[in-house]
Protein backbone atom coordinates (compact mmCIF):
# COMPACT_ATOMS: atom_id res chain seq x y z
CA UNK A 1 165.57 178.45 33.40
CA UNK A 2 166.71 178.00 29.77
CA UNK A 3 165.14 176.30 26.79
CA UNK A 4 165.79 172.79 25.53
CA UNK A 5 166.41 171.74 21.92
CA UNK A 6 162.69 171.14 21.42
CA UNK A 7 161.86 174.71 22.40
CA UNK A 8 160.44 173.68 25.80
CA UNK A 9 161.70 174.87 29.15
CA UNK A 10 164.89 173.26 30.33
CA UNK A 11 164.89 172.40 34.04
CA UNK A 12 168.00 173.01 36.07
CA UNK A 13 168.95 170.32 38.55
CA UNK A 14 170.95 171.09 41.65
CA UNK A 15 172.99 168.21 42.92
CA UNK A 16 175.46 167.64 45.74
CA UNK A 17 173.34 169.47 48.27
CA UNK A 18 174.52 168.57 51.73
CA UNK A 19 172.25 167.98 54.71
CA UNK A 20 174.31 170.30 56.95
CA UNK A 21 173.48 173.23 54.62
CA UNK A 22 169.72 172.70 54.72
CA UNK A 23 167.80 175.16 56.87
CA UNK A 24 164.26 176.05 57.85
CA UNK A 25 163.27 179.71 57.85
CA UNK A 26 160.55 181.02 60.16
CA UNK A 27 157.59 182.51 58.31
CA UNK A 28 158.53 180.73 55.07
CA UNK A 29 157.27 177.28 54.04
CA UNK A 30 159.50 174.41 52.96
CA UNK A 31 163.26 173.99 53.26
CA UNK A 32 166.17 176.01 51.91
CA UNK A 33 169.80 175.53 51.04
CA UNK A 34 172.05 178.08 52.70
CA UNK A 35 174.26 179.55 49.99
CA UNK A 36 176.00 182.32 51.92
CA UNK A 37 175.65 184.24 55.15
CA UNK A 38 175.82 187.98 55.60
CA UNK A 39 175.82 190.26 58.63
CA UNK A 40 172.18 191.19 58.09
CA UNK A 41 170.83 187.94 56.67
CA UNK A 42 171.52 185.11 54.24
CA UNK A 43 171.15 184.13 50.60
CA UNK A 44 169.09 180.94 50.34
CA UNK A 45 167.76 178.66 47.62
CA UNK A 46 164.34 177.04 47.92
CA UNK A 47 164.32 173.24 47.63
CA UNK A 48 160.80 173.44 46.20
CA UNK A 49 161.08 175.83 43.25
CA UNK A 50 164.88 176.38 43.28
CA UNK A 51 164.46 180.16 43.47
CA UNK A 52 167.24 182.15 45.13
CA UNK A 53 166.59 185.09 47.41
CA UNK A 54 168.01 187.19 50.21
CA UNK A 55 166.35 186.76 53.61
CA UNK A 56 166.86 189.44 56.27
CA UNK A 57 167.77 188.19 59.74
CA UNK A 58 165.80 191.01 61.39
CA UNK A 59 162.59 189.49 60.03
CA UNK A 60 163.36 185.76 60.03
CA UNK A 61 165.19 183.15 62.08
CA UNK A 62 167.23 180.34 60.57
CA UNK A 63 167.42 176.79 61.92
CA UNK A 64 169.88 174.22 60.59
CA UNK A 65 168.15 170.86 60.35
CA UNK A 66 171.14 169.08 61.87
CA UNK A 67 170.86 171.23 65.03
CA UNK A 68 167.16 170.44 65.64
CA UNK A 69 166.28 168.04 68.47
CA UNK A 70 163.03 166.14 69.08
CA UNK A 71 161.43 165.34 72.45
CA UNK A 72 161.16 161.66 73.40
CA UNK A 73 160.07 159.86 76.56
CA UNK A 74 163.79 159.47 77.30
CA UNK A 75 166.53 161.89 76.27
CA UNK A 76 166.10 164.25 73.35
CA UNK A 77 167.23 162.88 69.99
CA UNK A 78 168.48 164.62 66.89
CA UNK A 79 166.00 165.06 64.07
CA UNK A 80 168.25 162.83 61.96
CA UNK A 81 167.34 159.85 64.16
CA UNK A 82 163.62 160.29 63.41
CA UNK A 83 164.20 160.91 59.69
CA UNK A 84 166.41 157.81 59.49
CA UNK A 85 163.68 155.74 61.13
CA UNK A 86 161.19 157.09 58.57
CA UNK A 87 163.61 156.20 55.78
CA UNK A 88 164.04 152.65 57.06
CA UNK A 89 160.31 152.10 57.61
CA UNK A 90 158.03 150.44 55.08
CA UNK A 91 155.03 152.39 56.42
CA UNK A 92 153.35 154.67 53.92
CA UNK A 93 153.62 158.38 54.69
CA UNK A 94 150.39 159.66 56.20
CA UNK A 95 148.19 162.48 55.01
CA UNK A 96 149.62 165.68 56.48
CA UNK A 97 146.14 167.04 57.20
CA UNK A 98 145.01 164.00 59.21
CA UNK A 99 146.26 164.40 62.79
CA UNK A 100 145.12 160.92 63.78
CA UNK A 101 146.96 159.35 60.86
CA UNK A 102 150.10 161.35 61.72
CA UNK A 103 150.16 160.10 65.30
CA UNK A 104 149.39 156.51 64.26
CA UNK A 105 152.27 156.64 61.75
CA UNK A 106 154.87 157.92 64.21
CA UNK A 107 153.64 155.55 66.92
CA UNK A 108 154.77 152.73 64.62
CA UNK A 109 157.86 154.37 63.14
CA UNK A 110 159.25 156.07 66.28
CA UNK A 111 157.20 155.07 69.33
CA UNK A 112 159.55 156.83 71.79
CA UNK A 113 158.34 160.26 70.71
CA UNK A 114 156.85 162.28 73.55
CA UNK A 115 153.47 163.05 71.99
CA UNK A 116 152.61 165.38 74.87
CA UNK A 117 155.34 167.76 73.77
CA UNK A 118 155.62 166.91 70.06
CA UNK A 119 152.48 168.43 68.58
CA UNK A 120 150.58 167.53 65.42
CA UNK A 121 152.10 170.57 63.70
CA UNK A 122 155.56 169.15 64.44
CA UNK A 123 154.61 165.73 63.07
CA UNK A 124 153.24 167.37 59.93
CA UNK A 125 156.44 169.37 59.51
CA UNK A 126 158.66 166.27 59.81
CA UNK A 127 156.63 164.41 57.16
CA UNK A 128 156.83 167.38 54.80
CA UNK A 129 160.56 167.90 55.34
CA UNK A 130 161.24 164.19 54.82
CA UNK A 131 159.40 164.30 51.48
CA UNK A 132 161.40 167.37 50.31
CA UNK A 133 164.74 165.80 51.27
CA UNK A 134 163.94 162.56 49.43
CA UNK A 135 162.71 164.47 46.35
CA UNK A 136 166.02 166.34 46.19
CA UNK A 137 168.06 163.16 46.81
CA UNK A 138 169.76 164.65 49.87
CA UNK A 139 171.50 162.11 52.06
CA UNK A 140 170.19 162.33 55.60
CA UNK A 141 173.26 162.32 57.80
CA UNK A 142 175.09 164.54 60.24
CA UNK A 143 178.32 166.13 59.13
CA UNK A 144 181.42 164.50 60.52
CA UNK A 145 183.51 166.61 62.89
CA UNK A 146 186.81 167.72 61.46
CA UNK A 147 189.74 165.77 62.89
CA UNK A 148 191.85 167.78 65.26
CA UNK A 149 195.44 168.31 64.16
CA UNK A 150 197.91 166.77 66.55
CA UNK A 151 200.45 169.25 67.73
CA UNK A 152 204.05 168.16 67.38
CA UNK A 153 205.87 167.97 70.71
CA UNK A 154 207.89 171.10 71.29
CA UNK A 155 211.65 170.61 71.14
CA UNK A 156 213.49 171.69 74.24
CA UNK A 157 216.43 173.80 73.16
CA UNK A 158 219.70 173.52 75.03
CA UNK A 159 220.40 176.58 77.17
CA UNK A 160 222.46 179.08 75.25
CA UNK A 161 225.85 179.75 76.79
CA UNK A 162 226.26 183.46 77.14
CA UNK A 163 229.82 184.84 76.73
CA UNK A 164 231.37 185.91 80.02
CA UNK A 165 232.90 189.42 79.96
CA UNK A 166 236.73 189.57 80.18
CA UNK A 167 236.91 191.14 83.69
CA UNK A 168 234.54 188.54 85.02
CA UNK A 169 236.69 185.78 83.49
CA UNK A 170 239.80 187.13 85.20
CA UNK A 171 238.03 187.40 88.55
CA UNK A 172 236.71 183.85 88.23
CA UNK A 173 240.19 182.56 87.33
CA UNK A 174 241.82 184.37 90.27
CA UNK A 175 239.20 183.01 92.66
CA UNK A 176 239.77 179.48 91.35
CA UNK A 177 243.57 179.75 91.73
CA UNK A 178 243.19 181.13 95.26
CA UNK A 179 240.95 178.23 96.17
CA UNK A 180 243.42 175.69 94.75
CA UNK A 181 246.30 177.22 96.78
CA UNK A 182 244.24 177.13 99.93
CA UNK A 183 243.45 173.46 99.37
CA UNK A 184 247.13 172.58 98.65
CA UNK A 185 248.66 174.51 101.63
CA UNK A 186 249.12 172.45 104.87
CA UNK A 187 246.96 173.43 107.76
CA UNK A 188 248.66 175.98 110.03
CA UNK A 189 249.96 174.60 113.26
CA UNK A 190 248.25 175.95 116.30
CA UNK A 191 250.59 177.86 118.58
CA UNK A 192 251.45 175.94 121.71
CA UNK A 193 249.93 177.25 124.87
CA UNK A 194 252.44 179.06 127.06
CA UNK A 195 253.26 177.50 130.41
CA UNK A 196 251.90 179.42 133.32
CA UNK A 197 254.61 181.23 135.31
CA UNK A 198 255.26 179.75 138.77
CA UNK A 199 253.44 181.62 141.44
CA UNK A 200 255.40 183.46 144.07
CA UNK A 201 255.66 181.87 147.45
CA UNK A 202 253.56 184.50 149.13
CA UNK A 203 250.81 184.10 146.54
CA UNK A 204 251.06 180.33 146.88
CA UNK A 205 250.67 180.53 150.58
CA UNK A 206 247.63 182.72 150.22
CA UNK A 207 246.02 180.19 147.98
CA UNK A 208 246.75 177.28 150.29
CA UNK A 209 244.35 176.79 153.25
CA UNK A 210 245.77 177.97 156.57
CA UNK A 211 246.33 175.14 159.03
CA UNK A 212 244.64 175.62 162.33
CA UNK A 213 247.10 175.74 165.25
CA UNK A 214 246.26 173.40 168.16
CA UNK A 215 244.86 175.25 171.13
CA UNK A 216 246.66 174.95 174.45
CA UNK A 217 244.57 173.42 177.22
CA UNK A 218 245.31 174.82 180.68
CA UNK A 219 245.98 172.27 183.31
CA UNK A 220 243.84 172.46 186.43
CA UNK A 221 245.64 172.79 189.75
CA UNK A 222 245.09 169.88 192.03
């Protein structure tokens, strides 16, 4: 802190804090703005007294508010939904130390909460966090997902014509010319079948069936 013109302490105001950078740290009260992350921890700034410090990850766990979910009688909802309902409600915030008042408040503001699994300590924490966020004028909203870049359709390149070696060119040309000559030449005439030589008479007779000679019948003497 510095000093103002009147000699008093000059307060520093931190603006433009984003909801997606607000975290809760186990073992430490209140909420913190995540300034930078390191391999062994993180540098955070308290939303209560604006002090900056390094917090070791081996001793503490960090929870982003926008990743926290709350049990309901239906599906789980994001913490933002409950905080938004609190923001829109005209109900006065209850005393954090009065468990009955806490439950009565949330029964009116967000009746779908599963009070069997959302304990009084959780209700107290949500009231306290809501107060800190409003005090620091932090807009309660989830960060918008970054639009995905559309990939341009890949251009299909024409197949590259590889040069044909000279010997291959000559062989291809010779084969083409040979094929053209074959197509142009008339089809060869089939040689006429030779006439079979006439068979000799003896051979012809062998082939022909032998006629049976009539048998002589002997006449009986009277």
